[in-house]
Amino acid sequence: MDNRSLYDSFDQLEVELSTTMNQLLEIKESLQKLVEKNAELELENQHLRQHLEEIDNRNATPSRQELSRSRMNLEKLYEEGIHVCNVFYGQRRKDDESCAFCLDVIYGERSK
């Protein structure tokens, strides 16, 4: 290879490398935008999940662990088919039907 062709090859390689470098910079910028958007969406998703959880907690009936020991005992009796309300206390629930009075005694307001 003579000096002229070597120099031309080197110039051509330099142009190709410059083009490749520009493409890499564009890809890097695109990737940076995607990473930022992804982080933003993950944060928004987390906030939405927390908001949904708060709404669910407001609407949910108390879980078994939140019940006092006496209410857990009443719940057990109720699940065995016995009324625990003051209206029908001690009577068998026919066909295990629900009783709003019993449910209010077990899961009603906490301030009682």
PDB file of N, CA and C in Angstrom:
ATOM      1  N   MET A   1       0.837  -1.167   0.000  1.00  0.00           N
ATOM      2  CA  MET A   1       0.000   0.000   0.000  1.00  0.00           C
ATOM      3  C   MET A   1       0.896   1.249   0.000  1.00  0.00           C
ATOM      4  N   ASP A   2       0.609   2.145  -0.877  1.00  0.00           N
ATOM      5  CA  ASP A   2       1.417   3.369  -0.919  1.00  0.00           C
ATOM      6  C   ASP A   2       0.885   4.396   0.080  1.00  0.00           C
ATOM      7  N   ASN A   3       1.631   5.441   0.272  1.00  0.00           N
ATOM      8  CA  ASN A   3       1.272   6.449   1.267  1.00  0.00           C
ATOM      9  C   ASN A   3      -0.057   7.143   0.953  1.00  0.00           C
ATOM     10  N   ARG A   4      -0.315   7.358  -0.308  1.00  0.00           N
ATOM     11  CA  ARG A   4      -1.551   8.042  -0.707  1.00  0.00           C
ATOM     12  C   ARG A   4      -2.776   7.195  -0.359  1.00  0.00           C
ATOM     13  N   SER A   5      -2.784   5.938  -0.705  1.00  0.00           N
ATOM     14  CA  SER A   5      -3.926   5.058  -0.409  1.00  0.00           C
ATOM     15  C   SER A   5      -4.062   4.828   1.100  1.00  0.00           C
ATOM     16  N   LEU A   6      -2.936   4.786   1.772  1.00  0.00           N
ATOM     17  CA  LEU A   6      -2.974   4.654   3.228  1.00  0.00           C
ATOM     18  C   LEU A   6      -3.627   5.879   3.862  1.00  0.00           C
ATOM     19  N   TYR A   7      -3.290   7.039   3.370  1.00  0.00           N
ATOM     20  CA  TYR A   7      -3.859   8.280   3.876  1.00  0.00           C
ATOM     21  C   TYR A   7      -5.360   8.352   3.554  1.00  0.00           C
ATOM     22  N   ASP A   8      -5.744   7.945   2.329  1.00  0.00           N
ATOM     23  CA  ASP A   8      -7.163   7.932   1.931  1.00  0.00           C
ATOM     24  C   ASP A   8      -7.959   6.948   2.786  1.00  0.00           C
ATOM     25  N   SER A   9      -7.390   5.789   3.034  1.00  0.00           N
ATOM     26  CA  SER A   9      -8.054   4.791   3.891  1.00  0.00           C
ATOM     27  C   SER A   9      -8.240   5.318   5.309  1.00  0.00           C
ATOM     28  N   PHE A  10      -7.231   6.010   5.780  1.00  0.00           N
ATOM     29  CA  PHE A  10      -7.298   6.579   7.124  1.00  0.00           C
ATOM     30  C   PHE A  10      -8.381   7.657   7.189  1.00  0.00           C
ATOM     31  N   ASP A  11      -8.487   8.504   6.172  1.00  0.00           N
ATOM     32  CA  ASP A  11      -9.536   9.529   6.104  1.00  0.00           C
ATOM     33  C   ASP A  11     -10.927   8.884   6.069  1.00  0.00           C
ATOM     34  N   GLN A  12     -11.058   7.844   5.268  1.00  0.00           N
ATOM     35  CA  GLN A  12     -12.343   7.140   5.164  1.00  0.00           C
ATOM     36  C   GLN A  12     -12.731   6.525   6.515  1.00  0.00           C
ATOM     37  N   LEU A  13     -11.784   5.921   7.192  1.00  0.00           N
ATOM     38  CA  LEU A  13     -12.030   5.341   8.510  1.00  0.00           C
ATOM     39  C   LEU A  13     -12.447   6.413   9.511  1.00  0.00           C
ATOM     40  N   GLU A  14     -11.807   7.584   9.418  1.00  0.00           N
ATOM     41  CA  GLU A  14     -12.135   8.700  10.312  1.00  0.00           C
ATOM     42  C   GLU A  14     -13.578   9.162  10.096  1.00  0.00           C
ATOM     43  N   VAL A  15     -14.006   9.251   8.834  1.00  0.00           N
ATOM     44  CA  VAL A  15     -15.377   9.651   8.514  1.00  0.00           C
ATOM     45  C   VAL A  15     -16.376   8.615   9.037  1.00  0.00           C
ATOM     46  N   GLU A  16     -16.064   7.354   8.835  1.00  0.00           N
ATOM     47  CA  GLU A  16     -16.939   6.280   9.314  1.00  0.00           C
ATOM     48  C   GLU A  16     -17.039   6.295  10.838  1.00  0.00           C
ATOM     49  N   LEU A  17     -15.911   6.492  11.498  1.00  0.00           N
ATOM     50  CA  LEU A  17     -15.917   6.563  12.966  1.00  0.00           C
ATOM     51  C   LEU A  17     -16.707   7.768  13.466  1.00  0.00           C
ATOM     52  N   SER A  18     -16.597   8.868  12.773  1.00  0.00           N
ATOM     53  CA  SER A  18     -17.344  10.071  13.145  1.00  0.00           C
ATOM     54  C   SER A  18     -18.848   9.832  13.005  1.00  0.00           C
ATOM     55  N   THR A  19     -19.233   9.183  11.904  1.00  0.00           N
ATOM     56  CA  THR A  19     -20.645   8.855  11.683  1.00  0.00           C
ATOM     57  C   THR A  19     -21.149   7.902  12.769  1.00  0.00           C
ATOM     58  N   THR A  20     -20.349   6.891  13.065  1.00  0.00           N
ATOM     59  CA  THR A  20     -20.711   5.935  14.107  1.00  0.00           C
ATOM     60  C   THR A  20     -20.823   6.628  15.470  1.00  0.00           C
ATOM     61  N   MET A  21     -19.925   7.546  15.746  1.00  0.00           N
ATOM     62  CA  MET A  21     -19.945   8.275  17.014  1.00  0.00           C
ATOM     63  C   MET A  21     -21.223   9.118  17.132  1.00  0.00           C
ATOM     64  N   ASN A  22     -21.613   9.771  16.036  1.00  0.00           N
ATOM     65  CA  ASN A  22     -22.860  10.547  16.037  1.00  0.00           C
ATOM     66  C   ASN A  22     -24.074   9.654  16.284  1.00  0.00           C
ATOM     67  N   GLN A  23     -24.077   8.482  15.668  1.00  0.00           N
ATOM     68  CA  GLN A  23     -25.174   7.535  15.888  1.00  0.00           C
ATOM     69  C   GLN A  23     -25.208   7.086  17.344  1.00  0.00           C
ATOM     70  N   LEU A  24     -24.031   6.823  17.911  1.00  0.00           N
ATOM     71  CA  LEU A  24     -23.965   6.424  19.321  1.00  0.00           C
ATOM     72  C   LEU A  24     -24.481   7.526  20.238  1.00  0.00           C
ATOM     73  N   LEU A  25     -24.156   8.779  19.948  1.00  0.00           N
ATOM     74  CA  LEU A  25     -24.640   9.899  20.747  1.00  0.00           C
ATOM     75  C   LEU A  25     -26.165  10.022  20.674  1.00  0.00           C
ATOM     76  N   GLU A  26     -26.735   9.821  19.480  1.00  0.00           N
ATOM     77  CA  GLU A  26     -28.190   9.853  19.325  1.00  0.00           C
ATOM     78  C   GLU A  26     -28.844   8.727  20.118  1.00  0.00           C
ATOM     79  N   ILE A  27     -28.269   7.538  20.042  1.00  0.00           N
ATOM     80  CA  ILE A  27     -28.806   6.391  20.793  1.00  0.00           C
ATOM     81  C   ILE A  27     -28.712   6.653  22.290  1.00  0.00           C
ATOM     82  N   LYS A  28     -27.585   7.246  22.717  1.00  0.00           N
ATOM     83  CA  LYS A  28     -27.393   7.549  24.137  1.00  0.00           C
ATOM     84  C   LYS A  28     -28.443   8.548  24.619  1.00  0.00           C
ATOM     85  N   GLU A  29     -28.724   9.588  23.816  1.00  0.00           N
ATOM     86  CA  GLU A  29     -29.742  10.568  24.187  1.00  0.00           C
ATOM     87  C   GLU A  29     -31.121   9.913  24.278  1.00  0.00           C
ATOM     88  N   SER A  30     -31.432   9.058  23.319  1.00  0.00           N
ATOM     89  CA  SER A  30     -32.714   8.346  23.332  1.00  0.00           C
ATOM     90  C   SER A  30     -32.824   7.452  24.569  1.00  0.00           C
ATOM     91  N   LEU A  31     -31.751   6.762  24.874  1.00  0.00           N
ATOM     92  CA  LEU A  31     -31.736   5.885  26.041  1.00  0.00           C
ATOM     93  C   LEU A  31     -31.927   6.692  27.323  1.00  0.00           C
ATOM     94  N   GLN A  32     -31.273   7.836  27.415  1.00  0.00           N
ATOM     95  CA  GLN A  32     -31.404   8.694  28.595  1.00  0.00           C
ATOM     96  C   GLN A  32     -32.848   9.146  28.772  1.00  0.00           C
ATOM     97  N   LYS A  33     -33.499   9.541  27.661  1.00  0.00           N
ATOM     98  CA  LYS A  33     -34.905   9.949  27.724  1.00  0.00           C
ATOM     99  C   LYS A  33     -35.786   8.791  28.182  1.00  0.00           C
ATOM    100  N   LEU A  34     -35.511   7.592  27.672  1.00  0.00           N
ATOM    101  CA  LEU A  34     -36.287   6.414  28.059  1.00  0.00           C
ATOM    102  C   LEU A  34     -36.102   6.082  29.542  1.00  0.00           C
ATOM    103  N   VAL A  35     -34.881   6.191  30.028  1.00  0.00           N
ATOM    104  CA  VAL A  35     -34.603   5.911  31.438  1.00  0.00           C
ATOM    105  C   VAL A  35     -35.332   6.923  32.322  1.00  0.00           C
ATOM    106  N   GLU A  36     -35.297   8.196  31.948  1.00  0.00           N
ATOM    107  CA  GLU A  36     -35.986   9.222  32.724  1.00  0.00           C
ATOM    108  C   GLU A  36     -37.492   8.988  32.719  1.00  0.00           C
ATOM    109  N   LYS A  37     -38.056   8.673  31.564  1.00  0.00           N
ATOM    110  CA  LYS A  37     -39.495   8.415  31.450  1.00  0.00           C
ATOM    111  C   LYS A  37     -39.876   7.184  32.269  1.00  0.00           C
ATOM    112  N   ASN A  38     -39.034   6.159  32.221  1.00  0.00           N
ATOM    113  CA  ASN A  38     -39.295   4.943  32.989  1.00  0.00           C
ATOM    114  C   ASN A  38     -39.300   5.235  34.489  1.00  0.00           C
ATOM    115  N   ALA A  39     -38.344   6.013  34.955  1.00  0.00           N
ATOM    116  CA  ALA A  39     -38.285   6.363  36.380  1.00  0.00           C
ATOM    117  C   ALA A  39     -39.513   7.168  36.782  1.00  0.00           C
ATOM    118  N   GLU A  40     -39.917   8.083  35.919  1.00  0.00           N
ATOM    119  CA  GLU A  40     -41.106   8.899  36.185  1.00  0.00           C
ATOM    120  C   GLU A  40     -42.356   8.022  36.278  1.00  0.00           C
ATOM    121  N   LEU A  41     -42.484   7.083  35.342  1.00  0.00           N
ATOM    122  CA  LEU A  41     -43.647   6.188  35.336  1.00  0.00           C
ATOM    123  C   LEU A  41     -43.645   5.244  36.540  1.00  0.00           C
ATOM    124  N   GLU A  42     -42.477   4.758  36.934  1.00  0.00           N
ATOM    125  CA  GLU A  42     -42.396   3.895  38.112  1.00  0.00           C
ATOM    126  C   GLU A  42     -42.824   4.643  39.363  1.00  0.00           C
ATOM    127  N   LEU A  43     -42.409   5.890  39.489  1.00  0.00           N
ATOM    128  CA  LEU A  43     -42.797   6.703  40.637  1.00  0.00           C
ATOM    129  C   LEU A  43     -44.301   6.962  40.633  1.00  0.00           C
ATOM    130  N   GLU A  44     -44.841   7.286  39.475  1.00  0.00           N
ATOM    131  CA  GLU A  44     -46.284   7.510  39.363  1.00  0.00           C
ATOM    132  C   GLU A  44     -47.047   6.227  39.681  1.00  0.00           C
ATOM    133  N   ASN A  45     -46.557   5.111  39.204  1.00  0.00           N
ATOM    134  CA  ASN A  45     -47.179   3.813  39.474  1.00  0.00           C
ATOM    135  C   ASN A  45     -47.190   3.521  40.971  1.00  0.00           C
ATOM    136  N   GLN A  46     -46.078   3.804  41.631  1.00  0.00           N
ATOM    137  CA  GLN A  46     -45.986   3.583  43.072  1.00  0.00           C
ATOM    138  C   GLN A  46     -47.002   4.454  43.815  1.00  0.00           C
ATOM    139  N   HIS A  47     -47.121   5.716  43.411  1.00  0.00           N
ATOM    140  CA  HIS A  47     -48.085   6.603  44.060  1.00  0.00           C
ATOM    141  C   HIS A  47     -49.515   6.125  43.828  1.00  0.00           C
ATOM    142  N   LEU A  48     -49.805   5.651  42.623  1.00  0.00           N
ATOM    143  CA  LEU A  48     -51.148   5.147  42.334  1.00  0.00           C
ATOM    144  C   LEU A  48     -51.456   3.889  43.149  1.00  0.00           C
ATOM    145  N   ARG A  49     -50.467   3.007  43.295  1.00  0.00           N
ATOM    146  CA  ARG A  49     -50.674   1.805  44.111  1.00  0.00           C
ATOM    147  C   ARG A  49     -50.933   2.171  45.567  1.00  0.00           C
ATOM    148  N   GLN A  50     -50.190   3.155  46.078  1.00  0.00           N
ATOM    149  CA  GLN A  50     -50.404   3.598  47.459  1.00  0.00           C
ATOM    150  C   GLN A  50     -51.795   4.199  47.612  1.00  0.00           C
ATOM    151  N   HIS A  51     -52.217   4.972  46.633  1.00  0.00           N
ATOM    152  CA  HIS A  51     -53.547   5.578  46.680  1.00  0.00           C
ATOM    153  C   HIS A  51     -54.633   4.510  46.643  1.00  0.00           C
ATOM    154  N   LEU A  52     -54.464   3.512  45.773  1.00  0.00           N
ATOM    155  CA  LEU A  52     -55.431   2.405  45.721  1.00  0.00           C
ATOM    156  C   LEU A  52     -55.477   1.644  47.039  1.00  0.00           C
ATOM    157  N   GLU A  53     -54.319   1.432  47.627  1.00  0.00           N
ATOM    158  CA  GLU A  53     -54.258   0.726  48.911  1.00  0.00           C
ATOM    159  C   GLU A  53     -54.979   1.522  49.991  1.00  0.00           C
ATOM    160  N   GLU A  54     -54.811   2.844  49.998  1.00  0.00           N
ATOM    161  CA  GLU A  54     -55.510   3.686  50.973  1.00  0.00           C
ATOM    162  C   GLU A  54     -57.016   3.596  50.778  1.00  0.00           C
ATOM    163  N   ILE A  55     -57.455   3.615  49.527  1.00  0.00           N
ATOM    164  CA  ILE A  55     -58.889   3.508  49.239  1.00  0.00           C
ATOM    165  C   ILE A  55     -59.414   2.153  49.680  1.00  0.00           C
ATOM    166  N   ASP A  56     -58.672   1.088  49.373  1.00  0.00           N
ATOM    167  CA  ASP A  56     -59.083  -0.256  49.786  1.00  0.00           C
ATOM    168  C   ASP A  56     -59.153  -0.377  51.303  1.00  0.00           C
ATOM    169  N   ASN A  57     -58.184   0.223  51.991  1.00  0.00           N
ATOM    170  CA  ASN A  57     -58.169   0.150  53.454  1.00  0.00           C
ATOM    171  C   ASN A  57     -59.351   0.889  54.060  1.00  0.00           C
ATOM    172  N   ARG A  58     -59.767   1.988  53.426  1.00  0.00           N
ATOM    173  CA  ARG A  58     -60.926   2.730  53.934  1.00  0.00           C
ATOM    174  C   ARG A  58     -62.216   1.946  53.742  1.00  0.00           C
ATOM    175  N   ASN A  59     -62.301   1.188  52.646  1.00  0.00           N
ATOM    176  CA  ASN A  59     -63.533   0.474  52.313  1.00  0.00           C
ATOM    177  C   ASN A  59     -63.586  -0.949  52.852  1.00  0.00           C
ATOM    178  N   ALA A  60     -62.467  -1.499  53.252  1.00  0.00           N
ATOM    179  CA  ALA A  60     -62.408  -2.904  53.668  1.00  0.00           C
ATOM    180  C   ALA A  60     -62.942  -3.078  55.086  1.00  0.00           C
ATOM    181  N   THR A  61     -63.486  -4.263  55.332  1.00  0.00           N
ATOM    182  CA  THR A  61     -63.858  -4.596  56.702  1.00  0.00           C
ATOM    183  C   THR A  61     -62.592  -4.932  57.457  1.00  0.00           C
ATOM    184  N   PRO A  62     -62.586  -4.757  58.741  1.00  0.00           N
ATOM    185  CA  PRO A  62     -61.370  -5.026  59.510  1.00  0.00           C
ATOM    186  C   PRO A  62     -60.918  -6.469  59.345  1.00  0.00           C
ATOM    187  N   SER A  63     -59.655  -6.676  59.300  1.00  0.00           N
ATOM    188  CA  SER A  63     -59.140  -8.033  59.184  1.00  0.00           C
ATOM    189  C   SER A  63     -59.201  -8.716  60.546  1.00  0.00           C
ATOM    190  N   ARG A  64     -59.036  -9.980  60.525  1.00  0.00           N
ATOM    191  CA  ARG A  64     -59.125 -10.775  61.743  1.00  0.00           C
ATOM    192  C   ARG A  64     -58.101 -10.317  62.793  1.00  0.00           C
ATOM    193  N   GLN A  65     -56.912  -9.897  62.389  1.00  0.00           N
ATOM    194  CA  GLN A  65     -55.891  -9.481  63.334  1.00  0.00           C
ATOM    195  C   GLN A  65     -56.262  -8.166  64.018  1.00  0.00           C
ATOM    196  N   GLU A  66     -57.094  -7.336  63.391  1.00  0.00           N
ATOM    197  CA  GLU A  66     -57.479  -6.064  63.968  1.00  0.00           C
ATOM    198  C   GLU A  66     -58.582  -6.206  65.016  1.00  0.00           C
ATOM    199  N   LEU A  67     -59.210  -7.360  65.085  1.00  0.00           N
ATOM    200  CA  LEU A  67     -60.297  -7.563  66.039  1.00  0.00           C
ATOM    201  C   LEU A  67     -59.738  -7.821  67.434  1.00  0.00           C
ATOM    202  N   SER A  68     -60.480  -7.337  68.417  1.00  0.00           N
ATOM    203  CA  SER A  68     -60.086  -7.632  69.793  1.00  0.00           C
ATOM    204  C   SER A  68     -60.353  -9.115  70.058  1.00  0.00           C
ATOM    205  N   ARG A  69     -59.841  -9.595  71.156  1.00  0.00           N
ATOM    206  CA  ARG A  69     -60.010 -11.021  71.484  1.00  0.00           C
ATOM    207  C   ARG A  69     -61.479 -11.379  71.666  1.00  0.00           C
ATOM    208  N   SER A  70     -62.229 -10.518  72.333  1.00  0.00           N
ATOM    209  CA  SER A  70     -63.657 -10.805  72.551  1.00  0.00           C
ATOM    210  C   SER A  70     -64.425 -10.814  71.232  1.00  0.00           C
ATOM    211  N   ARG A  71     -64.083  -9.890  70.328  1.00  0.00           N
ATOM    212  CA  ARG A  71     -64.769  -9.878  69.029  1.00  0.00           C
ATOM    213  C   ARG A  71     -64.372 -11.093  68.193  1.00  0.00           C
ATOM    214  N   MET A  72     -63.126 -11.547  68.343  1.00  0.00           N
ATOM    215  CA  MET A  72     -62.718 -12.768  67.640  1.00  0.00           C
ATOM    216  C   MET A  72     -63.520 -13.964  68.146  1.00  0.00           C
ATOM    217  N   ASN A  73     -63.800 -14.009  69.458  1.00  0.00           N
ATOM    218  CA  ASN A  73     -64.625 -15.087  70.021  1.00  0.00           C
ATOM    219  C   ASN A  73     -66.045 -15.011  69.473  1.00  0.00           C
ATOM    220  N   LEU A  74     -66.594 -13.785  69.382  1.00  0.00           N
ATOM    221  CA  LEU A  74     -67.935 -13.623  68.819  1.00  0.00           C
ATOM    222  C   LEU A  74     -67.945 -14.034  67.343  1.00  0.00           C
ATOM    223  N   GLU A  75     -66.899 -13.693  66.625  1.00  0.00           N
ATOM    224  CA  GLU A  75     -66.797 -14.072  65.220  1.00  0.00           C
ATOM    225  C   GLU A  75     -66.777 -15.596  65.071  1.00  0.00           C
ATOM    226  N   LYS A  76     -66.066 -16.259  65.954  1.00  0.00           N
ATOM    227  CA  LYS A  76     -65.999 -17.726  65.905  1.00  0.00           C
ATOM    228  C   LYS A  76     -67.378 -18.341  66.145  1.00  0.00           C
ATOM    229  N   LEU A  77     -68.085 -17.823  67.134  1.00  0.00           N
ATOM    230  CA  LEU A  77     -69.446 -18.319  67.393  1.00  0.00           C
ATOM    231  C   LEU A  77     -70.348 -18.073  66.180  1.00  0.00           C
ATOM    232  N   TYR A  78     -70.239 -16.897  65.612  1.00  0.00           N
ATOM    233  CA  TYR A  78     -71.049 -16.548  64.443  1.00  0.00           C
ATOM    234  C   TYR A  78     -70.756 -17.500  63.282  1.00  0.00           C
ATOM    235  N   GLU A  79     -69.465 -17.791  63.068  1.00  0.00           N
ATOM    236  CA  GLU A  79     -69.085 -18.706  61.980  1.00  0.00           C
ATOM    237  C   GLU A  79     -69.595 -20.121  62.227  1.00  0.00           C
ATOM    238  N   GLU A  80     -69.815 -20.466  63.491  1.00  0.00           N
ATOM    239  CA  GLU A  80     -70.364 -21.787  63.831  1.00  0.00           C
ATOM    240  C   GLU A  80     -71.879 -21.827  63.678  1.00  0.00           C
ATOM    241  N   GLY A  81     -72.474 -20.675  63.307  1.00  0.00           N
ATOM    242  CA  GLY A  81     -73.911 -20.655  63.032  1.00  0.00           C
ATOM    243  C   GLY A  81     -74.758 -20.166  64.187  1.00  0.00           C
ATOM    244  N   ILE A  82     -74.185 -19.443  65.125  1.00  0.00           N
ATOM    245  CA  ILE A  82     -74.930 -18.964  66.287  1.00  0.00           C
ATOM    246  C   ILE A  82     -74.982 -17.438  66.241  1.00  0.00           C
ATOM    247  N   HIS A  83     -76.176 -16.887  66.548  1.00  0.00           N
ATOM    248  CA  HIS A  83     -76.327 -15.431  66.606  1.00  0.00           C
ATOM    249  C   HIS A  83     -75.565 -14.892  67.812  1.00  0.00           C
ATOM    250  N   VAL A  84     -74.893 -13.755  67.618  1.00  0.00           N
ATOM    251  CA  VAL A  84     -74.178 -13.090  68.706  1.00  0.00           C
ATOM    252  C   VAL A  84     -74.740 -11.690  68.969  1.00  0.00           C
ATOM    253  N   CYS A  85     -75.782 -11.313  68.238  1.00  0.00           N
ATOM    254  CA  CYS A  85     -76.398 -10.001  68.426  1.00  0.00           C
ATOM    255  C   CYS A  85     -77.345 -10.036  69.621  1.00  0.00           C
ATOM    256  N   ASN A  86     -77.701  -8.847  70.136  1.00  0.00           N
ATOM    257  CA  ASN A  86     -78.590  -8.807  71.296  1.00  0.00           C
ATOM    258  C   ASN A  86     -80.038  -9.115  70.921  1.00  0.00           C
ATOM    259  N   VAL A  87     -80.368  -9.115  69.630  1.00  0.00           N
ATOM    260  CA  VAL A  87     -81.738  -9.412  69.200  1.00  0.00           C
ATOM    261  C   VAL A  87     -82.007 -10.921  69.224  1.00  0.00           C
ATOM    262  N   PHE A  88     -81.080 -11.722  68.723  1.00  0.00           N
ATOM    263  CA  PHE A  88     -81.288 -13.172  68.618  1.00  0.00           C
ATOM    264  C   PHE A  88     -80.202 -13.958  69.341  1.00  0.00           C
ATOM    265  N   TYR A  89     -79.569 -13.388  70.319  1.00  0.00           N
ATOM    266  CA  TYR A  89     -78.393 -13.969  70.963  1.00  0.00           C
ATOM    267  C   TYR A  89     -78.608 -15.439  71.339  1.00  0.00           C
ATOM    268  N   GLY A  90     -77.660 -16.279  70.914  1.00  0.00           N
ATOM    269  CA  GLY A  90     -77.666 -17.687  71.283  1.00  0.00           C
ATOM    270  C   GLY A  90     -78.499 -18.576  70.382  1.00  0.00           C
ATOM    271  N   GLN A  91     -79.326 -18.005  69.545  1.00  0.00           N
ATOM    272  CA  GLN A  91     -80.162 -18.812  68.650  1.00  0.00           C
ATOM    273  C   GLN A  91     -79.338 -19.260  67.441  1.00  0.00           C
ATOM    274  N   ARG A  92     -79.732 -20.393  66.895  1.00  0.00           N
ATOM    275  CA  ARG A  92     -79.078 -20.892  65.691  1.00  0.00           C
ATOM    276  C   ARG A  92     -79.496 -20.049  64.489  1.00  0.00           C
ATOM    277  N   ARG A  93     -78.522 -19.771  63.606  1.00  0.00           N
ATOM    278  CA  ARG A  93     -78.843 -19.070  62.365  1.00  0.00           C
ATOM    279  C   ARG A  93     -79.345 -20.104  61.377  1.00  0.00           C
ATOM    280  N   LYS A  94     -80.548 -19.917  60.885  1.00  0.00           N
ATOM    281  CA  LYS A  94     -81.132 -20.866  59.946  1.00  0.00           C
ATOM    282  C   LYS A  94     -80.406 -20.795  58.614  1.00  0.00           C
ATOM    283  N   ASP A  95     -79.966 -21.929  58.109  1.00  0.00           N
ATOM    284  CA  ASP A  95     -79.267 -22.049  56.830  1.00  0.00           C
ATOM    285  C   ASP A  95     -78.056 -21.108  56.749  1.00  0.00           C
ATOM    286  N   ASP A  96     -77.463 -20.811  57.886  1.00  0.00           N
ATOM    287  CA  ASP A  96     -76.296 -19.928  57.963  1.00  0.00           C
ATOM    288  C   ASP A  96     -76.503 -18.598  57.234  1.00  0.00           C
ATOM    289  N   GLU A  97     -77.730 -18.064  57.345  1.00  0.00           N
ATOM    290  CA  GLU A  97     -77.994 -16.770  56.712  1.00  0.00           C
ATOM    291  C   GLU A  97     -77.227 -15.673  57.447  1.00  0.00           C
ATOM    292  N   SER A  98     -76.929 -14.608  56.736  1.00  0.00           N
ATOM    293  CA  SER A  98     -76.221 -13.486  57.344  1.00  0.00           C
ATOM    294  C   SER A  98     -77.160 -12.707  58.247  1.00  0.00           C
ATOM    295  N   CYS A  99     -76.589 -12.120  59.275  1.00  0.00           N
ATOM    296  CA  CYS A  99     -77.372 -11.300  60.194  1.00  0.00           C
ATOM    297  C   CYS A  99     -76.661  -9.956  60.336  1.00  0.00           C
ATOM    298  N   ALA A 100     -77.330  -8.903  59.907  1.00  0.00           N
ATOM    299  CA  ALA A 100     -76.727  -7.571  59.950  1.00  0.00           C
ATOM    300  C   ALA A 100     -76.437  -7.149  61.383  1.00  0.00           C
ATOM    301  N   PHE A 101     -77.293  -7.556  62.330  1.00  0.00           N
ATOM    302  CA  PHE A 101     -77.070  -7.195  63.730  1.00  0.00           C
ATOM    303  C   PHE A 101     -75.792  -7.836  64.259  1.00  0.00           C
ATOM    304  N   CYS A 102     -75.612  -9.113  63.947  1.00  0.00           N
ATOM    305  CA  CYS A 102     -74.408  -9.829  64.393  1.00  0.00           C
ATOM    306  C   CYS A 102     -73.151  -9.221  63.778  1.00  0.00           C
ATOM    307  N   LEU A 103     -73.215  -8.946  62.477  1.00  0.00           N
ATOM    308  CA  LEU A 103     -72.061  -8.365  61.794  1.00  0.00           C
ATOM    309  C   LEU A 103     -71.714  -6.998  62.372  1.00  0.00           C
ATOM    310  N   ASP A 104     -72.739  -6.247  62.766  1.00  0.00           N
ATOM    311  CA  ASP A 104     -72.480  -4.943  63.380  1.00  0.00           C
ATOM    312  C   ASP A 104     -71.816  -5.112  64.751  1.00  0.00           C
ATOM    313  N   VAL A 105     -72.229  -6.123  65.489  1.00  0.00           N
ATOM    314  CA  VAL A 105     -71.605  -6.374  66.808  1.00  0.00           C
ATOM    315  C   VAL A 105     -70.137  -6.755  66.616  1.00  0.00           C
ATOM    316  N   ILE A 106     -69.854  -7.603  65.640  1.00  0.00           N
ATOM    317  CA  ILE A 106     -68.477  -8.095  65.435  1.00  0.00           C
ATOM    318  C   ILE A 106     -67.597  -7.035  64.772  1.00  0.00           C
ATOM    319  N   TYR A 107     -68.071  -6.458  63.682  1.00  0.00           N
ATOM    320  CA  TYR A 107     -67.231  -5.567  62.879  1.00  0.00           C
ATOM    321  C   TYR A 107     -67.627  -4.100  62.978  1.00  0.00           C
ATOM    322  N   GLY A 108     -68.564  -3.783  63.865  1.00  0.00           N
ATOM    323  CA  GLY A 108     -69.059  -2.414  63.981  1.00  0.00           C
ATOM    324  C   GLY A 108     -67.991  -1.439  64.435  1.00  0.00           C
ATOM    325  N   GLU A 109     -68.419  -0.252  64.797  1.00  0.00           N
ATOM    326  CA  GLU A 109     -67.497   0.817  65.200  1.00  0.00           C
ATOM    327  C   GLU A 109     -66.555   0.362  66.297  1.00  0.00           C
ATOM    328  N   ARG A 110     -65.355   0.891  66.260  1.00  0.00           N
ATOM    329  CA  ARG A 110     -64.324   0.556  67.236  1.00  0.00           C
ATOM    330  C   ARG A 110     -64.499   1.316  68.549  1.00  0.00           C
ATOM    331  N   SER A 111     -65.291   2.386  68.517  1.00  0.00           N
ATOM    332  CA  SER A 111     -65.396   3.234  69.712  1.00  0.00           C
ATOM    333  C   SER A 111     -66.350   2.687  70.765  1.00  0.00           C
ATOM    334  N   LYS A 112     -67.014   1.582  70.465  1.00  0.00           N
ATOM    335  CA  LYS A 112     -67.962   1.016  71.439  1.00  0.00           C
ATOM    336  C   LYS A 112     -67.243   0.423  72.610  1.00  0.00           C
TER     337      LYS A 112
END
